[in-house]
Amino acid sequence: RSLCGETDLSAQAKEVLQESEFQIVVNANPVSRKRVEAGDFCLRVNPDGVDLNRNWAEEWQPSAVLEPADTNPGPSPFS
């Protein structure tokens, strides 16, 4: 959210971006990709509301770590 200007850490995030290198992984989820292209730039979830960044078997937790709407881990790993 900070990278998208949605928190009070946005200025600090811009500074970090000046000194960092990122690898971008293309979103292969066509429905969510269309939403991102329409302006929902911080979309983290698939059409089922599962955050694909939290849906791995590695240290999977059954409850959201942060805001449930943005970080829903799904009912099970790889769900």
PDB file of N, CA and C in Angstrom:
ATOM      1  N   ARG A   1       0.818  -1.193   0.000  1.00  0.00           N
ATOM      2  CA  ARG A   1       0.000   0.000   0.000  1.00  0.00           C
ATOM      3  C   ARG A   1       0.861   1.255   0.000  1.00  0.00           C
ATOM      4  N   SER A   2       1.998   1.182   0.690  1.00  0.00           N
ATOM      5  CA  SER A   2       2.881   2.348   0.733  1.00  0.00           C
ATOM      6  C   SER A   2       3.417   2.679  -0.649  1.00  0.00           C
ATOM      7  N   LEU A   3       3.734   1.640  -1.427  1.00  0.00           N
ATOM      8  CA  LEU A   3       4.241   1.876  -2.782  1.00  0.00           C
ATOM      9  C   LEU A   3       3.189   2.520  -3.665  1.00  0.00           C
ATOM     10  N   CYS A   4       1.923   2.310  -3.323  1.00  0.00           N
ATOM     11  CA  CYS A   4       0.830   2.887  -4.104  1.00  0.00           C
ATOM     12  C   CYS A   4       0.368   4.233  -3.542  1.00  0.00           C
ATOM     13  N   GLY A   5       1.066   4.757  -2.537  1.00  0.00           N
ATOM     14  CA  GLY A   5       0.725   6.061  -1.983  1.00  0.00           C
ATOM     15  C   GLY A   5      -0.427   6.047  -1.005  1.00  0.00           C
ATOM     16  N   GLU A   6      -0.737   4.879  -0.440  1.00  0.00           N
ATOM     17  CA  GLU A   6      -1.901   4.761   0.422  1.00  0.00           C
ATOM     18  C   GLU A   6      -1.593   4.840   1.910  1.00  0.00           C
ATOM     19  N   THR A   7      -0.338   5.050   2.304  1.00  0.00           N
ATOM     20  CA  THR A   7      -0.013   5.145   3.726  1.00  0.00           C
ATOM     21  C   THR A   7       0.904   6.343   3.972  1.00  0.00           C
ATOM     22  N   ASP A   8       1.180   6.604   5.247  1.00  0.00           N
ATOM     23  CA  ASP A   8       2.065   7.714   5.588  1.00  0.00           C
ATOM     24  C   ASP A   8       3.535   7.361   5.339  1.00  0.00           C
ATOM     25  N   LEU A   9       3.810   6.144   4.880  1.00  0.00           N
ATOM     26  CA  LEU A   9       5.180   5.734   4.552  1.00  0.00           C
ATOM     27  C   LEU A   9       5.498   5.905   3.060  1.00  0.00           C
ATOM     28  N   SER A  10       4.628   6.549   2.324  1.00  0.00           N
ATOM     29  CA  SER A  10       4.804   6.683   0.874  1.00  0.00           C
ATOM     30  C   SER A  10       6.094   7.405   0.500  1.00  0.00           C
ATOM     31  N   ALA A  11       6.454   8.451   1.218  1.00  0.00           N
ATOM     32  CA  ALA A  11       7.689   9.185   0.919  1.00  0.00           C
ATOM     33  C   ALA A  11       8.900   8.279   1.133  1.00  0.00           C
ATOM     34  N   GLN A  12       8.882   7.520   2.208  1.00  0.00           N
ATOM     35  CA  GLN A  12       9.976   6.592   2.481  1.00  0.00           C
ATOM     36  C   GLN A  12      10.019   5.497   1.408  1.00  0.00           C
ATOM     37  N   ALA A  13       8.876   5.029   0.963  1.00  0.00           N
ATOM     38  CA  ALA A  13       8.828   4.004  -0.084  1.00  0.00           C
ATOM     39  C   ALA A  13       9.436   4.528  -1.379  1.00  0.00           C
ATOM     40  N   LYS A  14       9.148   5.779  -1.726  1.00  0.00           N
ATOM     41  CA  LYS A  14       9.741   6.367  -2.933  1.00  0.00           C
ATOM     42  C   LYS A  14      11.260   6.418  -2.830  1.00  0.00           C
ATOM     43  N   GLU A  15      11.777   6.729  -1.655  1.00  0.00           N
ATOM     44  CA  GLU A  15      13.220   6.768  -1.442  1.00  0.00           C
ATOM     45  C   GLU A  15      13.835   5.375  -1.609  1.00  0.00           C
ATOM     46  N   VAL A  16      13.172   4.381  -1.055  1.00  0.00           N
ATOM     47  CA  VAL A  16      13.662   3.001  -1.179  1.00  0.00           C
ATOM     48  C   VAL A  16      13.681   2.581  -2.649  1.00  0.00           C
ATOM     49  N   LEU A  17      12.683   2.981  -3.395  1.00  0.00           N
ATOM     50  CA  LEU A  17      12.625   2.622  -4.816  1.00  0.00           C
ATOM     51  C   LEU A  17      13.800   3.188  -5.604  1.00  0.00           C
ATOM     52  N   GLN A  18      14.321   4.325  -5.184  1.00  0.00           N
ATOM     53  CA  GLN A  18      15.448   4.942  -5.871  1.00  0.00           C
ATOM     54  C   GLN A  18      16.720   4.113  -5.731  1.00  0.00           C
ATOM     55  N   GLU A  19      16.815   3.320  -4.659  1.00  0.00           N
ATOM     56  CA  GLU A  19      18.033   2.577  -4.363  1.00  0.00           C
ATOM     57  C   GLU A  19      17.847   1.061  -4.449  1.00  0.00           C
ATOM     58  N   SER A  20      16.744   0.612  -5.002  1.00  0.00           N
ATOM     59  CA  SER A  20      16.452  -0.823  -5.014  1.00  0.00           C
ATOM     60  C   SER A  20      16.255  -1.343  -6.427  1.00  0.00           C
ATOM     61  N   GLU A  21      16.460  -2.626  -6.568  1.00  0.00           N
ATOM     62  CA  GLU A  21      16.219  -3.302  -7.834  1.00  0.00           C
ATOM     63  C   GLU A  21      15.169  -4.374  -7.584  1.00  0.00           C
ATOM     64  N   PHE A  22      14.186  -4.449  -8.444  1.00  0.00           N
ATOM     65  CA  PHE A  22      13.100  -5.403  -8.276  1.00  0.00           C
ATOM     66  C   PHE A  22      13.016  -6.306  -9.498  1.00  0.00           C
ATOM     67  N   GLN A  23      12.600  -7.532  -9.274  1.00  0.00           N
ATOM     68  CA  GLN A  23      12.280  -8.437 -10.366  1.00  0.00           C
ATOM     69  C   GLN A  23      10.769  -8.515 -10.427  1.00  0.00           C
ATOM     70  N   ILE A  24      10.233  -8.321 -11.593  1.00  0.00           N
ATOM     71  CA  ILE A  24       8.785  -8.318 -11.748  1.00  0.00           C
ATOM     72  C   ILE A  24       8.332  -9.666 -12.288  1.00  0.00           C
ATOM     73  N   VAL A  25       7.355 -10.243 -11.616  1.00  0.00           N
ATOM     74  CA  VAL A  25       6.759 -11.497 -12.048  1.00  0.00           C
ATOM     75  C   VAL A  25       5.411 -11.158 -12.673  1.00  0.00           C
ATOM     76  N   VAL A  26       5.225 -11.557 -13.893  1.00  0.00           N
ATOM     77  CA  VAL A  26       4.003 -11.229 -14.619  1.00  0.00           C
ATOM     78  C   VAL A  26       2.807 -11.934 -13.979  1.00  0.00           C
ATOM     79  N   ASN A  27       1.717 -11.220 -13.863  1.00  0.00           N
ATOM     80  CA  ASN A  27       0.475 -11.769 -13.330  1.00  0.00           C
ATOM     81  C   ASN A  27      -0.171 -12.644 -14.404  1.00  0.00           C
ATOM     82  N   ALA A  28      -0.282 -13.931 -14.140  1.00  0.00           N
ATOM     83  CA  ALA A  28      -0.885 -14.851 -15.097  1.00  0.00           C
ATOM     84  C   ALA A  28      -2.375 -15.066 -14.836  1.00  0.00           C
ATOM     85  N   ASN A  29      -2.955 -14.258 -13.978  1.00  0.00           N
ATOM     86  CA  ASN A  29      -4.368 -14.370 -13.647  1.00  0.00           C
ATOM     87  C   ASN A  29      -5.122 -13.345 -14.503  1.00  0.00           C
ATOM     88  N   PRO A  30      -5.750 -13.758 -15.609  1.00  0.00           N
ATOM     89  CA  PRO A  30      -6.321 -12.797 -16.556  1.00  0.00           C
ATOM     90  C   PRO A  30      -7.411 -11.888 -15.996  1.00  0.00           C
ATOM     91  N   VAL A  31      -8.254 -12.388 -15.099  1.00  0.00           N
ATOM     92  CA  VAL A  31      -9.326 -11.552 -14.551  1.00  0.00           C
ATOM     93  C   VAL A  31      -8.735 -10.448 -13.676  1.00  0.00           C
ATOM     94  N   SER A  32      -7.829 -10.820 -12.787  1.00  0.00           N
ATOM     95  CA  SER A  32      -7.203  -9.816 -11.932  1.00  0.00           C
ATOM     96  C   SER A  32      -6.343  -8.866 -12.742  1.00  0.00           C
ATOM     97  N   ARG A  33      -5.678  -9.370 -13.758  1.00  0.00           N
ATOM     98  CA  ARG A  33      -4.849  -8.512 -14.612  1.00  0.00           C
ATOM     99  C   ARG A  33      -5.695  -7.412 -15.249  1.00  0.00           C
ATOM    100  N   LYS A  34      -6.884  -7.746 -15.707  1.00  0.00           N
ATOM    101  CA  LYS A  34      -7.769  -6.730 -16.297  1.00  0.00           C
ATOM    102  C   LYS A  34      -8.127  -5.666 -15.264  1.00  0.00           C
ATOM    103  N   ARG A  35      -8.346  -6.083 -14.019  1.00  0.00           N
ATOM    104  CA  ARG A  35      -8.650  -5.106 -12.969  1.00  0.00           C
ATOM    105  C   ARG A  35      -7.460  -4.200 -12.701  1.00  0.00           C
ATOM    106  N   VAL A  36      -6.249  -4.762 -12.695  1.00  0.00           N
ATOM    107  CA  VAL A  36      -5.040  -3.961 -12.494  1.00  0.00           C
ATOM    108  C   VAL A  36      -4.886  -2.969 -13.646  1.00  0.00           C
ATOM    109  N   GLU A  37      -5.078  -3.423 -14.859  1.00  0.00           N
ATOM    110  CA  GLU A  37      -4.964  -2.539 -16.024  1.00  0.00           C
ATOM    111  C   GLU A  37      -6.024  -1.448 -16.022  1.00  0.00           C
ATOM    112  N   ALA A  38      -7.131  -1.684 -15.330  1.00  0.00           N
ATOM    113  CA  ALA A  38      -8.198  -0.683 -15.222  1.00  0.00           C
ATOM    114  C   ALA A  38      -7.956   0.291 -14.074  1.00  0.00           C
ATOM    115  N   GLY A  39      -6.847   0.082 -13.300  1.00  0.00           N
ATOM    116  CA  GLY A  39      -6.517   1.048 -12.272  1.00  0.00           C
ATOM    117  C   GLY A  39      -6.445   0.515 -10.854  1.00  0.00           C
ATOM    118  N   ASP A  40      -6.814  -0.737 -10.632  1.00  0.00           N
ATOM    119  CA  ASP A  40      -6.737  -1.314  -9.287  1.00  0.00           C
ATOM    120  C   ASP A  40      -5.323  -1.847  -9.077  1.00  0.00           C
ATOM    121  N   PHE A  41      -4.334  -0.925  -8.987  1.00  0.00           N
ATOM    122  CA  PHE A  41      -2.917  -1.263  -9.035  1.00  0.00           C
ATOM    123  C   PHE A  41      -2.415  -2.108  -7.875  1.00  0.00           C
ATOM    124  N   CYS A  42      -3.043  -2.065  -6.730  1.00  0.00           N
ATOM    125  CA  CYS A  42      -2.566  -2.831  -5.576  1.00  0.00           C
ATOM    126  C   CYS A  42      -3.375  -4.098  -5.351  1.00  0.00           C
ATOM    127  N   LEU A  43      -4.048  -4.578  -6.367  1.00  0.00           N
ATOM    128  CA  LEU A  43      -4.820  -5.808  -6.248  1.00  0.00           C
ATOM    129  C   LEU A  43      -3.897  -6.972  -5.928  1.00  0.00           C
ATOM    130  N   ARG A  44      -4.192  -7.694  -4.864  1.00  0.00           N
ATOM    131  CA  ARG A  44      -3.352  -8.816  -4.426  1.00  0.00           C
ATOM    132  C   ARG A  44      -4.070 -10.151  -4.536  1.00  0.00           C
ATOM    133  N   VAL A  45      -5.365 -10.143  -4.749  1.00  0.00           N
ATOM    134  CA  VAL A  45      -6.145 -11.380  -4.668  1.00  0.00           C
ATOM    135  C   VAL A  45      -6.649 -11.834  -6.038  1.00  0.00           C
ATOM    136  N   ASN A  46      -6.946 -13.130  -6.116  1.00  0.00           N
ATOM    137  CA  ASN A  46      -7.553 -13.670  -7.330  1.00  0.00           C
ATOM    138  C   ASN A  46      -9.061 -13.462  -7.263  1.00  0.00           C
ATOM    139  N   PRO A  47      -9.833 -13.860  -8.275  1.00  0.00           N
ATOM    140  CA  PRO A  47     -11.291 -13.646  -8.240  1.00  0.00           C
ATOM    141  C   PRO A  47     -11.993 -14.310  -7.056  1.00  0.00           C
ATOM    142  N   ASP A  48     -11.367 -15.307  -6.425  1.00  0.00           N
ATOM    143  CA  ASP A  48     -11.954 -15.946  -5.242  1.00  0.00           C
ATOM    144  C   ASP A  48     -11.585 -15.226  -3.952  1.00  0.00           C
ATOM    145  N   GLY A  49     -10.841 -14.122  -4.040  1.00  0.00           N
ATOM    146  CA  GLY A  49     -10.460 -13.358  -2.866  1.00  0.00           C
ATOM    147  C   GLY A  49      -9.257 -13.914  -2.123  1.00  0.00           C
ATOM    148  N   VAL A  50      -8.492 -14.818  -2.756  1.00  0.00           N
ATOM    149  CA  VAL A  50      -7.318 -15.419  -2.122  1.00  0.00           C
ATOM    150  C   VAL A  50      -6.070 -14.671  -2.564  1.00  0.00           C
ATOM    151  N   ASP A  51      -5.272 -14.239  -1.586  1.00  0.00           N
ATOM    152  CA  ASP A  51      -4.001 -13.578  -1.865  1.00  0.00           C
ATOM    153  C   ASP A  51      -2.993 -14.647  -2.288  1.00  0.00           C
ATOM    154  N   LEU A  52      -2.621 -14.660  -3.553  1.00  0.00           N
ATOM    155  CA  LEU A  52      -1.723 -15.694  -4.063  1.00  0.00           C
ATOM    156  C   LEU A  52      -0.336 -15.597  -3.452  1.00  0.00           C
ATOM    157  N   ASN A  53       0.009 -14.452  -2.872  1.00  0.00           N
ATOM    158  CA  ASN A  53       1.289 -14.317  -2.175  1.00  0.00           C
ATOM    159  C   ASN A  53       1.275 -15.030  -0.817  1.00  0.00           C
ATOM    160  N   ARG A  54       0.099 -15.348  -0.302  1.00  0.00           N
ATOM    161  CA  ARG A  54      -0.029 -15.989   1.009  1.00  0.00           C
ATOM    162  C   ARG A  54      -0.495 -17.443   0.893  1.00  0.00           C
ATOM    163  N   ASN A  55      -0.620 -17.945  -0.318  1.00  0.00           N
ATOM    164  CA  ASN A  55      -1.254 -19.244  -0.546  1.00  0.00           C
ATOM    165  C   ASN A  55      -0.254 -20.353  -0.867  1.00  0.00           C
ATOM    166  N   TRP A  56       0.912 -20.315  -0.242  1.00  0.00           N
ATOM    167  CA  TRP A  56       1.949 -21.320  -0.442  1.00  0.00           C
ATOM    168  C   TRP A  56       1.968 -22.279   0.742  1.00  0.00           C
ATOM    169  N   ALA A  57       2.536 -23.460   0.558  1.00  0.00           N
ATOM    170  CA  ALA A  57       2.634 -24.428   1.651  1.00  0.00           C
ATOM    171  C   ALA A  57       3.664 -23.983   2.694  1.00  0.00           C
ATOM    172  N   GLU A  58       4.664 -23.222   2.287  1.00  0.00           N
ATOM    173  CA  GLU A  58       5.725 -22.747   3.186  1.00  0.00           C
ATOM    174  C   GLU A  58       5.149 -21.801   4.238  1.00  0.00           C
ATOM    175  N   GLU A  59       5.112 -22.227   5.485  1.00  0.00           N
ATOM    176  CA  GLU A  59       4.636 -21.419   6.608  1.00  0.00           C
ATOM    177  C   GLU A  59       3.219 -20.883   6.415  1.00  0.00           C
ATOM    178  N   TRP A  60       2.368 -21.629   5.707  1.00  0.00           N
ATOM    179  CA  TRP A  60       0.978 -21.209   5.493  1.00  0.00           C
ATOM    180  C   TRP A  60       0.261 -21.090   6.837  1.00  0.00           C
ATOM    181  N   GLN A  61      -0.557 -20.062   6.980  1.00  0.00           N
ATOM    182  CA  GLN A  61      -1.349 -19.840   8.192  1.00  0.00           C
ATOM    183  C   GLN A  61      -2.812 -19.737   7.793  1.00  0.00           C
ATOM    184  N   PRO A  62      -3.727 -20.289   8.570  1.00  0.00           N
ATOM    185  CA  PRO A  62      -5.139 -20.303   8.191  1.00  0.00           C
ATOM    186  C   PRO A  62      -5.863 -18.966   8.323  1.00  0.00           C
ATOM    187  N   SER A  63      -5.211 -17.957   8.895  1.00  0.00           N
ATOM    188  CA  SER A  63      -5.875 -16.657   9.026  1.00  0.00           C
ATOM    189  C   SER A  63      -5.003 -15.567   8.428  1.00  0.00           C
ATOM    190  N   ALA A  64      -5.644 -14.490   8.043  1.00  0.00           N
ATOM    191  CA  ALA A  64      -4.944 -13.362   7.434  1.00  0.00           C
ATOM    192  C   ALA A  64      -3.994 -12.721   8.431  1.00  0.00           C
ATOM    193  N   VAL A  65      -2.804 -12.365   7.966  1.00  0.00           N
ATOM    194  CA  VAL A  65      -1.809 -11.728   8.823  1.00  0.00           C
ATOM    195  C   VAL A  65      -2.127 -10.247   8.986  1.00  0.00           C
ATOM    196  N   LEU A  66      -2.557  -9.611   7.934  1.00  0.00           N
ATOM    197  CA  LEU A  66      -2.883  -8.183   7.958  1.00  0.00           C
ATOM    198  C   LEU A  66      -4.363  -8.013   7.635  1.00  0.00           C
ATOM    199  N   GLU A  67      -4.696  -7.062   6.798  1.00  0.00           N
ATOM    200  CA  GLU A  67      -6.070  -6.786   6.384  1.00  0.00           C
ATOM    201  C   GLU A  67      -6.642  -8.012   5.657  1.00  0.00           C
ATOM    202  N   PRO A  68      -7.691  -8.665   6.187  1.00  0.00           N
ATOM    203  CA  PRO A  68      -8.204  -9.885   5.580  1.00  0.00           C
ATOM    204  C   PRO A  68      -8.610  -9.741   4.118  1.00  0.00           C
ATOM    205  N   ALA A  69      -9.123  -8.587   3.721  1.00  0.00           N
ATOM    206  CA  ALA A  69      -9.535  -8.406   2.326  1.00  0.00           C
ATOM    207  C   ALA A  69      -8.343  -8.440   1.377  1.00  0.00           C
ATOM    208  N   ASP A  70      -7.168  -8.068   1.852  1.00  0.00           N
ATOM    209  CA  ASP A  70      -5.970  -8.019   1.009  1.00  0.00           C
ATOM    210  C   ASP A  70      -5.048  -9.214   1.171  1.00  0.00           C
ATOM    211  N   THR A  71      -5.128  -9.911   2.294  1.00  0.00           N
ATOM    212  CA  THR A  71      -4.149 -10.973   2.580  1.00  0.00           C
ATOM    213  C   THR A  71      -4.799 -12.300   2.954  1.00  0.00           C
ATOM    214  N   ASN A  72      -5.977 -12.591   2.424  1.00  0.00           N
ATOM    215  CA  ASN A  72      -6.653 -13.856   2.699  1.00  0.00           C
ATOM    216  C   ASN A  72      -5.791 -15.011   2.198  1.00  0.00           C
ATOM    217  N   PRO A  73      -5.350 -15.928   3.090  1.00  0.00           N
ATOM    218  CA  PRO A  73      -4.482 -17.015   2.670  1.00  0.00           C
ATOM    219  C   PRO A  73      -5.209 -18.171   1.991  1.00  0.00           C
ATOM    220  N   GLY A  74      -6.531 -18.135   1.947  1.00  0.00           N
ATOM    221  CA  GLY A  74      -7.301 -19.221   1.373  1.00  0.00           C
ATOM    222  C   GLY A  74      -7.550 -20.321   2.385  1.00  0.00           C
ATOM    223  N   PRO A  75      -8.412 -21.295   2.038  1.00  0.00           N
ATOM    224  CA  PRO A  75      -8.781 -22.348   2.974  1.00  0.00           C
ATOM    225  C   PRO A  75      -7.652 -23.360   3.228  1.00  0.00           C
ATOM    226  N   SER A  76      -6.678 -23.420   2.320  1.00  0.00           N
ATOM    227  CA  SER A  76      -5.554 -24.334   2.469  1.00  0.00           C
ATOM    228  C   SER A  76      -4.440 -23.887   1.516  1.00  0.00           C
ATOM    229  N   PRO A  77      -3.202 -24.369   1.703  1.00  0.00           N
ATOM    230  CA  PRO A  77      -2.137 -24.009   0.771  1.00  0.00           C
ATOM    231  C   PRO A  77      -2.498 -24.421  -0.661  1.00  0.00           C
ATOM    232  N   PHE A  78      -2.140 -23.593  -1.598  1.00  0.00           N
ATOM    233  CA  PHE A  78      -2.376 -23.831  -3.032  1.00  0.00           C
ATOM    234  C   PHE A  78      -3.852 -23.995  -3.375  1.00  0.00           C
ATOM    235  N   SER A  79      -4.731 -23.374  -2.589  1.00  0.00           N
ATOM    236  CA  SER A  79      -6.166 -23.524  -2.857  1.00  0.00           C
ATOM    237  C   SER A  79      -6.604 -22.571  -3.925  1.00  0.00           C
TER     238      SER A  79
END
